[in-house]
């Protein structure tokens, strides 16, 4: 795959940058070199290479260790004010 001046102009348009004619020629050569290098790597790599290591997802099973109401009474005992099973706070939004 080889890029053209039109491709460079389209990239500049997408990037919303102005590119002079000299820059277009320079970018064209640079990007064609990059694309050629990537093509070379893809042709060499193929399916013959094995990954250096495999990733293993090690996770613990989800277990409920605390019941939601287990510490409610302890928390409410430390609250400055309470209403039933809730911490009572001053109104912060005026109506």
PDB file of N, CA and C in Angstrom:
ATOM      1  N   UNK A   1       0.851  -1.178   0.000  1.00  0.00           N
ATOM      2  CA  UNK A   1       0.000   0.000   0.000  1.00  0.00           C
ATOM      3  C   UNK A   1       0.894   1.237   0.000  1.00  0.00           C
ATOM      4  N   UNK A   2       0.626   2.108  -0.900  1.00  0.00           N
ATOM      5  CA  UNK A   2       1.404   3.335  -1.010  1.00  0.00           C
ATOM      6  C   UNK A   2       0.462   4.528  -0.876  1.00  0.00           C
ATOM      7  N   UNK A   3       0.868   5.492  -0.089  1.00  0.00           N
ATOM      8  CA  UNK A   3       0.053   6.686   0.108  1.00  0.00           C
ATOM      9  C   UNK A   3       0.284   7.681  -1.024  1.00  0.00           C
ATOM     10  N   UNK A   4      -0.699   8.553  -1.224  1.00  0.00           N
ATOM     11  CA  UNK A   4      -0.610   9.584  -2.256  1.00  0.00           C
ATOM     12  C   UNK A   4      -0.718  10.959  -1.600  1.00  0.00           C
ATOM     13  N   UNK A   5      -0.483  11.984  -2.401  1.00  0.00           N
ATOM     14  CA  UNK A   5      -0.625  13.366  -1.913  1.00  0.00           C
ATOM     15  C   UNK A   5      -2.062  13.594  -1.426  1.00  0.00           C
ATOM     16  N   UNK A   6      -3.024  12.996  -2.126  1.00  0.00           N
ATOM     17  CA  UNK A   6      -4.424  13.149  -1.713  1.00  0.00           C
ATOM     18  C   UNK A   6      -4.652  12.552  -0.324  1.00  0.00           C
ATOM     19  N   UNK A   7      -3.971  11.443  -0.030  1.00  0.00           N
ATOM     20  CA  UNK A   7      -4.083  10.848   1.308  1.00  0.00           C
ATOM     21  C   UNK A   7      -3.526  11.796   2.371  1.00  0.00           C
ATOM     22  N   UNK A   8      -2.409  12.433   2.057  1.00  0.00           N
ATOM     23  CA  UNK A   8      -1.803  13.389   2.999  1.00  0.00           C
ATOM     24  C   UNK A   8      -2.737  14.579   3.200  1.00  0.00           C
ATOM     25  N   UNK A   9      -3.336  15.059   2.130  1.00  0.00           N
ATOM     26  CA  UNK A   9      -4.283  16.179   2.236  1.00  0.00           C
ATOM     27  C   UNK A   9      -5.492  15.786   3.079  1.00  0.00           C
ATOM     28  N   UNK A  10      -5.975  14.557   2.904  1.00  0.00           N
ATOM     29  CA  UNK A  10      -7.123  14.089   3.683  1.00  0.00           C
ATOM     30  C   UNK A  10      -6.747  13.969   5.162  1.00  0.00           C
ATOM     31  N   UNK A  11      -5.555  13.450   5.440  1.00  0.00           N
ATOM     32  CA  UNK A  11      -5.100  13.362   6.832  1.00  0.00           C
ATOM     33  C   UNK A  11      -4.979  14.741   7.460  1.00  0.00           C
ATOM     34  N   UNK A  12      -4.446  15.688   6.704  1.00  0.00           N
ATOM     35  CA  UNK A  12      -4.321  17.060   7.213  1.00  0.00           C
ATOM     36  C   UNK A  12      -5.701  17.656   7.479  1.00  0.00           C
ATOM     37  N   UNK A  13      -6.635  17.356   6.593  1.00  0.00           N
ATOM     38  CA  UNK A  13      -8.009  17.856   6.780  1.00  0.00           C
ATOM     39  C   UNK A  13      -8.622  17.252   8.036  1.00  0.00           C
ATOM     40  N   UNK A  14      -8.438  15.948   8.235  1.00  0.00           N
ATOM     41  CA  UNK A  14      -8.985  15.287   9.420  1.00  0.00           C
ATOM     42  C   UNK A  14      -8.332  15.808  10.697  1.00  0.00           C
ATOM     43  N   UNK A  15      -7.030  16.115  10.626  1.00  0.00           N
ATOM     44  CA  UNK A  15      -6.313  16.634  11.786  1.00  0.00           C
ATOM     45  C   UNK A  15      -6.524  18.133  11.956  1.00  0.00           C
ATOM     46  N   UNK A  16      -7.176  18.736  10.969  1.00  0.00           N
ATOM     47  CA  UNK A  16      -7.459  20.175  10.972  1.00  0.00           C
ATOM     48  C   UNK A  16      -6.182  21.000  11.108  1.00  0.00           C
ATOM     49  N   UNK A  17      -5.200  20.633  10.266  1.00  0.00           N
ATOM     50  CA  UNK A  17      -3.951  21.381  10.225  1.00  0.00           C
ATOM     51  C   UNK A  17      -3.665  21.790   8.791  1.00  0.00           C
ATOM     52  N   UNK A  18      -2.954  22.881   8.633  1.00  0.00           N
ATOM     53  CA  UNK A  18      -2.534  23.321   7.310  1.00  0.00           C
ATOM     54  C   UNK A  18      -1.163  22.733   7.022  1.00  0.00           C
ATOM     55  N   UNK A  19      -1.008  22.205   5.813  1.00  0.00           N
ATOM     56  CA  UNK A  19       0.250  21.585   5.423  1.00  0.00           C
ATOM     57  C   UNK A  19       0.669  22.194   4.094  1.00  0.00           C
ATOM     58  N   UNK A  20       1.895  22.699   4.035  1.00  0.00           N
ATOM     59  CA  UNK A  20       2.397  23.283   2.790  1.00  0.00           C
ATOM     60  C   UNK A  20       2.734  22.165   1.801  1.00  0.00           C
ATOM     61  N   UNK A  21       2.961  22.549   0.532  1.00  0.00           N
ATOM     62  CA  UNK A  21       3.297  21.565  -0.493  1.00  0.00           C
ATOM     63  C   UNK A  21       4.603  20.847  -0.152  1.00  0.00           C
ATOM     64  N   UNK A  22       5.579  21.584   0.375  1.00  0.00           N
ATOM     65  CA  UNK A  22       6.856  20.966   0.755  1.00  0.00           C
ATOM     66  C   UNK A  22       6.651  19.963   1.891  1.00  0.00           C
ATOM     67  N   UNK A  23       5.797  20.323   2.853  1.00  0.00           N
ATOM     68  CA  UNK A  23       5.515  19.408   3.960  1.00  0.00           C
ATOM     69  C   UNK A  23       4.778  18.173   3.476  1.00  0.00           C
ATOM     70  N   UNK A  24       3.882  18.363   2.509  1.00  0.00           N
ATOM     71  CA  UNK A  24       3.151  17.212   1.953  1.00  0.00           C
ATOM     72  C   UNK A  24       4.123  16.210   1.350  1.00  0.00           C
ATOM     73  N   UNK A  25       5.089  16.690   0.592  1.00  0.00           N
ATOM     74  CA  UNK A  25       6.082  15.807  -0.018  1.00  0.00           C
ATOM     75  C   UNK A  25       6.913  15.106   1.056  1.00  0.00           C
ATOM     76  N   UNK A  26       7.305  15.850   2.074  1.00  0.00           N
ATOM     77  CA  UNK A  26       8.098  15.272   3.158  1.00  0.00           C
ATOM     78  C   UNK A  26       7.293  14.212   3.912  1.00  0.00           C
ATOM     79  N   UNK A  27       6.044  14.558   4.263  1.00  0.00           N
ATOM     80  CA  UNK A  27       5.177  13.618   4.973  1.00  0.00           C
ATOM     81  C   UNK A  27       4.908  12.386   4.132  1.00  0.00           C
ATOM     82  N   UNK A  28       4.738  12.572   2.829  1.00  0.00           N
ATOM     83  CA  UNK A  28       4.459  11.454   1.928  1.00  0.00           C
ATOM     84  C   UNK A  28       5.598  10.439   1.994  1.00  0.00           C
ATOM     85  N   UNK A  29       6.832  10.920   1.905  1.00  0.00           N
ATOM     86  CA  UNK A  29       7.982  10.015   1.991  1.00  0.00           C
ATOM     87  C   UNK A  29       8.077   9.328   3.341  1.00  0.00           C
ATOM     88  N   UNK A  30       7.887  10.105   4.405  1.00  0.00           N
ATOM     89  CA  UNK A  30       7.979   9.547   5.755  1.00  0.00           C
ATOM     90  C   UNK A  30       6.898   8.495   5.999  1.00  0.00           C
ATOM     91  N   UNK A  31       5.667   8.835   5.657  1.00  0.00           N
ATOM     92  CA  UNK A  31       4.560   7.903   5.911  1.00  0.00           C
ATOM     93  C   UNK A  31       4.654   6.661   5.040  1.00  0.00           C
ATOM     94  N   UNK A  32       5.117   6.805   3.794  1.00  0.00           N
ATOM     95  CA  UNK A  32       5.303   5.626   2.950  1.00  0.00           C
ATOM     96  C   UNK A  32       6.389   4.719   3.514  1.00  0.00           C
ATOM     97  N   UNK A  33       7.426   5.306   4.108  1.00  0.00           N
ATOM     98  CA  UNK A  33       8.468   4.503   4.759  1.00  0.00           C
ATOM     99  C   UNK A  33       7.888   3.739   5.950  1.00  0.00           C
ATOM    100  N   UNK A  34       7.063   4.412   6.732  1.00  0.00           N
ATOM    101  CA  UNK A  34       6.448   3.774   7.901  1.00  0.00           C
ATOM    102  C   UNK A  34       5.533   2.644   7.469  1.00  0.00           C
ATOM    103  N   UNK A  35       4.692   2.901   6.475  1.00  0.00           N
ATOM    104  CA  UNK A  35       3.764   1.869   5.987  1.00  0.00           C
ATOM    105  C   UNK A  35       4.545   0.689   5.422  1.00  0.00           C
ATOM    106  N   UNK A  36       5.630   0.960   4.702  1.00  0.00           N
ATOM    107  CA  UNK A  36       6.462  -0.118   4.168  1.00  0.00           C
ATOM    108  C   UNK A  36       7.086  -0.946   5.275  1.00  0.00           C
ATOM    109  N   UNK A  37       7.549  -0.281   6.319  1.00  0.00           N
ATOM    110  CA  UNK A  37       8.149  -0.980   7.453  1.00  0.00           C
ATOM    111  C   UNK A  37       7.115  -1.862   8.143  1.00  0.00           C
ATOM    112  N   UNK A  38       5.913  -1.348   8.320  1.00  0.00           N
ATOM    113  CA  UNK A  38       4.846  -2.132   8.950  1.00  0.00           C
ATOM    114  C   UNK A  38       4.507  -3.340   8.089  1.00  0.00           C
ATOM    115  N   UNK A  39       4.431  -3.166   6.785  1.00  0.00           N
ATOM    116  CA  UNK A  39       4.152  -4.289   5.885  1.00  0.00           C
ATOM    117  C   UNK A  39       5.243  -5.347   5.991  1.00  0.00           C
ATOM    118  N   UNK A  40       6.487  -4.910   6.083  1.00  0.00           N
ATOM    119  CA  UNK A  40       7.604  -5.844   6.219  1.00  0.00           C
ATOM    120  C   UNK A  40       7.499  -6.641   7.513  1.00  0.00           C
ATOM    121  N   UNK A  41       7.158  -5.966   8.598  1.00  0.00           N
ATOM    122  CA  UNK A  41       7.002  -6.643   9.890  1.00  0.00           C
ATOM    123  C   UNK A  41       5.868  -7.653   9.819  1.00  0.00           C
ATOM    124  N   UNK A  42       4.750  -7.273   9.205  1.00  0.00           N
ATOM    125  CA  UNK A  42       3.615  -8.178   9.103  1.00  0.00           C
ATOM    126  C   UNK A  42       3.963  -9.411   8.284  1.00  0.00           C
ATOM    127  N   UNK A  43       4.737  -9.245   7.222  1.00  0.00           N
ATOM    128  CA  UNK A  43       5.080 -10.393   6.384  1.00  0.00           C
ATOM    129  C   UNK A  43       6.037 -11.330   7.107  1.00  0.00           C
ATOM    130  N   UNK A  44       6.912 -10.785   7.951  1.00  0.00           N
ATOM    131  CA  UNK A  44       7.862 -11.623   8.684  1.00  0.00           C
ATOM    132  C   UNK A  44       7.181 -12.298   9.864  1.00  0.00           C
ATOM    133  N   UNK A  45       6.358 -11.558  10.581  1.00  0.00           N
ATOM    134  CA  UNK A  45       5.752 -12.070  11.802  1.00  0.00           C
ATOM    135  C   UNK A  45       4.860 -13.264  11.508  1.00  0.00           C
ATOM    136  N   UNK A  46       3.873 -13.084  10.670  1.00  0.00           N
ATOM    137  CA  UNK A  46       2.975 -14.178  10.323  1.00  0.00           C
ATOM    138  C   UNK A  46       2.446 -14.903  11.536  1.00  0.00           C
ATOM    139  N   UNK A  47       2.181 -16.194  11.351  1.00  0.00           N
ATOM    140  CA  UNK A  47       1.672 -17.019  12.441  1.00  0.00           C
ATOM    141  C   UNK A  47       2.774 -17.840  13.095  1.00  0.00           C
ATOM    142  N   UNK A  48       3.995 -17.719  12.608  1.00  0.00           N
ATOM    143  CA  UNK A  48       5.070 -18.571  13.108  1.00  0.00           C
ATOM    144  C   UNK A  48       5.593 -18.139  14.469  1.00  0.00           C
ATOM    145  N   UNK A  49       5.343 -16.915  14.868  1.00  0.00           N
ATOM    146  CA  UNK A  49       5.849 -16.433  16.148  1.00  0.00           C
ATOM    147  C   UNK A  49       4.887 -16.787  17.275  1.00  0.00           C
ATOM    148  N   UNK A  50       5.474 -17.229  18.358  1.00  0.00           N
ATOM    149  CA  UNK A  50       4.672 -17.527  19.540  1.00  0.00           C
ATOM    150  C   UNK A  50       4.834 -16.371  20.517  1.00  0.00           C
ATOM    151  N   UNK A  51       3.824 -16.062  21.296  1.00  0.00           N
ATOM    152  CA  UNK A  51       3.966 -14.984  22.271  1.00  0.00           C
ATOM    153  C   UNK A  51       5.031 -15.334  23.300  1.00  0.00           C
ATOM    154  N   UNK A  52       5.713 -14.314  23.808  1.00  0.00           N
ATOM    155  CA  UNK A  52       6.759 -14.525  24.801  1.00  0.00           C
ATOM    156  C   UNK A  52       6.190 -15.131  26.087  1.00  0.00           C
ATOM    157  N   UNK A  53       4.989 -14.774  26.410  1.00  0.00           N
ATOM    158  CA  UNK A  53       4.330 -15.339  27.583  1.00  0.00           C
ATOM    159  C   UNK A  53       2.832 -15.256  27.367  1.00  0.00           C
ATOM    160  N   UNK A  54       2.128 -16.047  28.115  1.00  0.00           N
ATOM    161  CA  UNK A  54       0.671 -16.004  28.027  1.00  0.00           C
ATOM    162  C   UNK A  54       0.135 -15.305  29.257  1.00  0.00           C
ATOM    163  N   UNK A  55      -0.934 -14.598  29.067  1.00  0.00           N
ATOM    164  CA  UNK A  55      -1.556 -13.887  30.171  1.00  0.00           C
ATOM    165  C   UNK A  55      -2.599 -14.795  30.812  1.00  0.00           C
ATOM    166  N   UNK A  56      -2.529 -14.882  32.093  1.00  0.00           N
ATOM    167  CA  UNK A  56      -3.497 -15.673  32.834  1.00  0.00           C
ATOM    168  C   UNK A  56      -4.256 -14.723  33.747  1.00  0.00           C
ATOM    169  N   UNK A  57      -5.557 -14.747  33.640  1.00  0.00           N
ATOM    170  CA  UNK A  57      -6.388 -13.889  34.465  1.00  0.00           C
ATOM    171  C   UNK A  57      -6.617 -14.583  35.805  1.00  0.00           C
ATOM    172  N   UNK A  58      -5.991 -14.054  36.833  1.00  0.00           N
ATOM    173  CA  UNK A  58      -6.119 -14.636  38.165  1.00  0.00           C
ATOM    174  C   UNK A  58      -7.022 -13.723  38.978  1.00  0.00           C
ATOM    175  N   UNK A  59      -8.170 -14.226  39.302  1.00  0.00           N
ATOM    176  CA  UNK A  59      -9.111 -13.439  40.108  1.00  0.00           C
ATOM    177  C   UNK A  59      -9.654 -14.312  41.227  1.00  0.00           C
ATOM    178  N   UNK A  60     -10.132 -13.654  42.228  1.00  0.00           N
ATOM    179  CA  UNK A  60     -10.758 -14.384  43.316  1.00  0.00           C
ATOM    180  C   UNK A  60     -12.262 -14.452  43.039  1.00  0.00           C
ATOM    181  N   UNK A  61     -12.920 -15.449  43.528  1.00  0.00           N
ATOM    182  CA  UNK A  61     -14.378 -15.501  43.349  1.00  0.00           C
ATOM    183  C   UNK A  61     -15.039 -14.421  44.197  1.00  0.00           C
ATOM    184  N   UNK A  62     -16.121 -13.872  43.712  1.00  0.00           N
ATOM    185  CA  UNK A  62     -16.854 -12.874  44.473  1.00  0.00           C
ATOM    186  C   UNK A  62     -17.580 -13.556  45.625  1.00  0.00           C
ATOM    187  N   UNK A  63     -17.264 -13.116  46.809  1.00  0.00           N
ATOM    188  CA  UNK A  63     -17.919 -13.645  47.994  1.00  0.00           C
ATOM    189  C   UNK A  63     -18.378 -12.487  48.857  1.00  0.00           C
ATOM    190  N   UNK A  64     -19.561 -12.577  49.363  1.00  0.00           N
ATOM    191  CA  UNK A  64     -20.066 -11.548  50.252  1.00  0.00           C
ATOM    192  C   UNK A  64     -19.476 -11.815  51.629  1.00  0.00           C
ATOM    193  N   UNK A  65     -18.651 -10.908  52.105  1.00  0.00           N
ATOM    194  CA  UNK A  65     -17.986 -11.104  53.395  1.00  0.00           C
ATOM    195  C   UNK A  65     -18.628 -10.294  54.514  1.00  0.00           C
ATOM    196  N   UNK A  66     -19.392  -9.260  54.153  1.00  0.00           N
ATOM    197  CA  UNK A  66     -20.028  -8.416  55.156  1.00  0.00           C
ATOM    198  C   UNK A  66     -21.490  -8.212  54.763  1.00  0.00           C
ATOM    199  N   UNK A  67     -22.374  -8.406  55.723  1.00  0.00           N
ATOM    200  CA  UNK A  67     -23.786  -8.126  55.460  1.00  0.00           C
ATOM    201  C   UNK A  67     -23.990  -6.620  55.519  1.00  0.00           C
ATOM    202  N   UNK A  68     -24.882  -6.095  54.713  1.00  0.00           N
ATOM    203  CA  UNK A  68     -25.059  -4.643  54.624  1.00  0.00           C
ATOM    204  C   UNK A  68     -25.460  -4.016  55.953  1.00  0.00           C
ATOM    205  N   UNK A  69     -26.138  -4.732  56.818  1.00  0.00           N
ATOM    206  CA  UNK A  69     -26.585  -4.146  58.081  1.00  0.00           C
ATOM    207  C   UNK A  69     -25.691  -4.521  59.260  1.00  0.00           C
ATOM    208  N   UNK A  70     -24.591  -5.170  58.989  1.00  0.00           N
ATOM    209  CA  UNK A  70     -23.750  -5.682  60.074  1.00  0.00           C
ATOM    210  C   UNK A  70     -23.183  -4.572  60.957  1.00  0.00           C
ATOM    211  N   UNK A  71     -22.775  -3.464  60.362  1.00  0.00           N
ATOM    212  CA  UNK A  71     -22.144  -2.390  61.128  1.00  0.00           C
ATOM    213  C   UNK A  71     -23.043  -1.159  61.284  1.00  0.00           C
ATOM    214  N   UNK A  72     -24.290  -1.259  60.901  1.00  0.00           N
ATOM    215  CA  UNK A  72     -25.196  -0.118  60.945  1.00  0.00           C
ATOM    216  C   UNK A  72     -25.293   0.465  62.348  1.00  0.00           C
ATOM    217  N   UNK A  73     -25.515  -0.360  63.330  1.00  0.00           N
ATOM    218  CA  UNK A  73     -25.695   0.136  64.697  1.00  0.00           C
ATOM    219  C   UNK A  73     -24.419   0.780  65.230  1.00  0.00           C
ATOM    220  N   UNK A  74     -23.254   0.226  64.913  1.00  0.00           N
ATOM    221  CA  UNK A  74     -21.995   0.824  65.364  1.00  0.00           C
ATOM    222  C   UNK A  74     -21.788   2.199  64.731  1.00  0.00           C
ATOM    223  N   UNK A  75     -22.105   2.334  63.456  1.00  0.00           N
ATOM    224  CA  UNK A  75     -21.959   3.615  62.774  1.00  0.00           C
ATOM    225  C   UNK A  75     -22.926   4.621  63.363  1.00  0.00           C
ATOM    226  N   UNK A  76     -24.167   4.216  63.566  1.00  0.00           N
ATOM    227  CA  UNK A  76     -25.171   5.136  64.087  1.00  0.00           C
ATOM    228  C   UNK A  76     -24.857   5.571  65.524  1.00  0.00           C
ATOM    229  N   UNK A  77     -24.207   4.735  66.282  1.00  0.00           N
ATOM    230  CA  UNK A  77     -23.827   5.124  67.649  1.00  0.00           C
ATOM    231  C   UNK A  77     -22.801   6.261  67.624  1.00  0.00           C
ATOM    232  N   UNK A  78     -21.989   6.335  66.583  1.00  0.00           N
ATOM    233  CA  UNK A  78     -20.970   7.380  66.478  1.00  0.00           C
ATOM    234  C   UNK A  78     -21.482   8.633  65.776  1.00  0.00           C
ATOM    235  N   UNK A  79     -22.681   8.598  65.232  1.00  0.00           N
ATOM    236  CA  UNK A  79     -23.228   9.748  64.517  1.00  0.00           C
ATOM    237  C   UNK A  79     -23.713  10.794  65.517  1.00  0.00           C
ATOM    238  N   UNK A  80     -23.563  12.071  65.172  1.00  0.00           N
ATOM    239  CA  UNK A  80     -24.026  13.118  66.099  1.00  0.00           C
ATOM    240  C   UNK A  80     -25.543  13.123  66.257  1.00  0.00           C
ATOM    241  N   UNK A  81     -26.272  12.754  65.216  1.00  0.00           N
ATOM    242  CA  UNK A  81     -27.735  12.676  65.296  1.00  0.00           C
ATOM    243  C   UNK A  81     -28.198  11.565  64.365  1.00  0.00           C
ATOM    244  N   UNK A  82     -29.307  10.968  64.730  1.00  0.00           N
ATOM    245  CA  UNK A  82     -29.823   9.898  63.878  1.00  0.00           C
ATOM    246  C   UNK A  82     -31.330   9.966  63.817  1.00  0.00           C
ATOM    247  N   UNK A  83     -31.874   9.426  62.738  1.00  0.00           N
ATOM    248  CA  UNK A  83     -33.318   9.291  62.574  1.00  0.00           C
ATOM    249  C   UNK A  83     -33.543   7.869  62.083  1.00  0.00           C
ATOM    250  N   UNK A  84     -34.113   7.051  62.927  1.00  0.00           N
ATOM    251  CA  UNK A  84     -34.319   5.628  62.665  1.00  0.00           C
ATOM    252  C   UNK A  84     -32.962   4.979  62.364  1.00  0.00           C
ATOM    253  N   UNK A  85     -32.804   4.392  61.193  1.00  0.00           N
ATOM    254  CA  UNK A  85     -31.538   3.736  60.835  1.00  0.00           C
ATOM    255  C   UNK A  85     -30.696   4.587  59.902  1.00  0.00           C
ATOM    256  N   UNK A  86     -30.809   5.909  60.001  1.00  0.00           N
ATOM    257  CA  UNK A  86     -30.069   6.819  59.124  1.00  0.00           C
ATOM    258  C   UNK A  86     -29.354   7.879  59.943  1.00  0.00           C
ATOM    259  N   UNK A  87     -28.246   8.370  59.411  1.00  0.00           N
ATOM    260  CA  UNK A  87     -27.544   9.491  60.027  1.00  0.00           C
ATOM    261  C   UNK A  87     -28.289  10.753  59.641  1.00  0.00           C
ATOM    262  N   UNK A  88     -28.639  11.574  60.608  1.00  0.00           N
ATOM    263  CA  UNK A  88     -29.362  12.815  60.337  1.00  0.00           C
ATOM    264  C   UNK A  88     -28.360  13.941  60.159  1.00  0.00           C
ATOM    265  N   UNK A  89     -28.519  14.693  59.086  1.00  0.00           N
ATOM    266  CA  UNK A  89     -27.622  15.824  58.805  1.00  0.00           C
ATOM    267  C   UNK A  89     -28.452  17.079  58.617  1.00  0.00           C
ATOM    268  N   UNK A  90     -27.804  18.224  58.758  1.00  0.00           N
ATOM    269  CA  UNK A  90     -28.487  19.487  58.544  1.00  0.00           C
ATOM    270  C   UNK A  90     -28.821  19.643  57.058  1.00  0.00           C
ATOM    271  N   UNK A  91     -29.892  20.376  56.796  1.00  0.00           N
ATOM    272  CA  UNK A  91     -30.298  20.639  55.430  1.00  0.00           C
ATOM    273  C   UNK A  91     -29.224  21.493  54.743  1.00  0.00           C
ATOM    274  N   UNK A  92     -28.808  21.082  53.535  1.00  0.00           N
ATOM    275  CA  UNK A  92     -27.772  21.835  52.822  1.00  0.00           C
ATOM    276  C   UNK A  92     -28.318  22.507  51.582  1.00  0.00           C
ATOM    277  N   UNK A  93     -29.497  22.159  51.164  1.00  0.00           N
ATOM    278  CA  UNK A  93     -30.112  22.770  49.976  1.00  0.00           C
ATOM    279  C   UNK A  93     -31.363  23.521  50.424  1.00  0.00           C
ATOM    280  N   UNK A  94     -31.395  24.791  50.071  1.00  0.00           N
ATOM    281  CA  UNK A  94     -32.555  25.584  50.428  1.00  0.00           C
ATOM    282  C   UNK A  94     -33.681  25.317  49.422  1.00  0.00           C
ATOM    283  N   UNK A  95     -34.888  25.299  49.935  1.00  0.00           N
ATOM    284  CA  UNK A  95     -36.028  25.037  49.054  1.00  0.00           C
ATOM    285  C   UNK A  95     -36.631  26.309  48.556  1.00  0.00           C
TER     286      UNK A  95
END
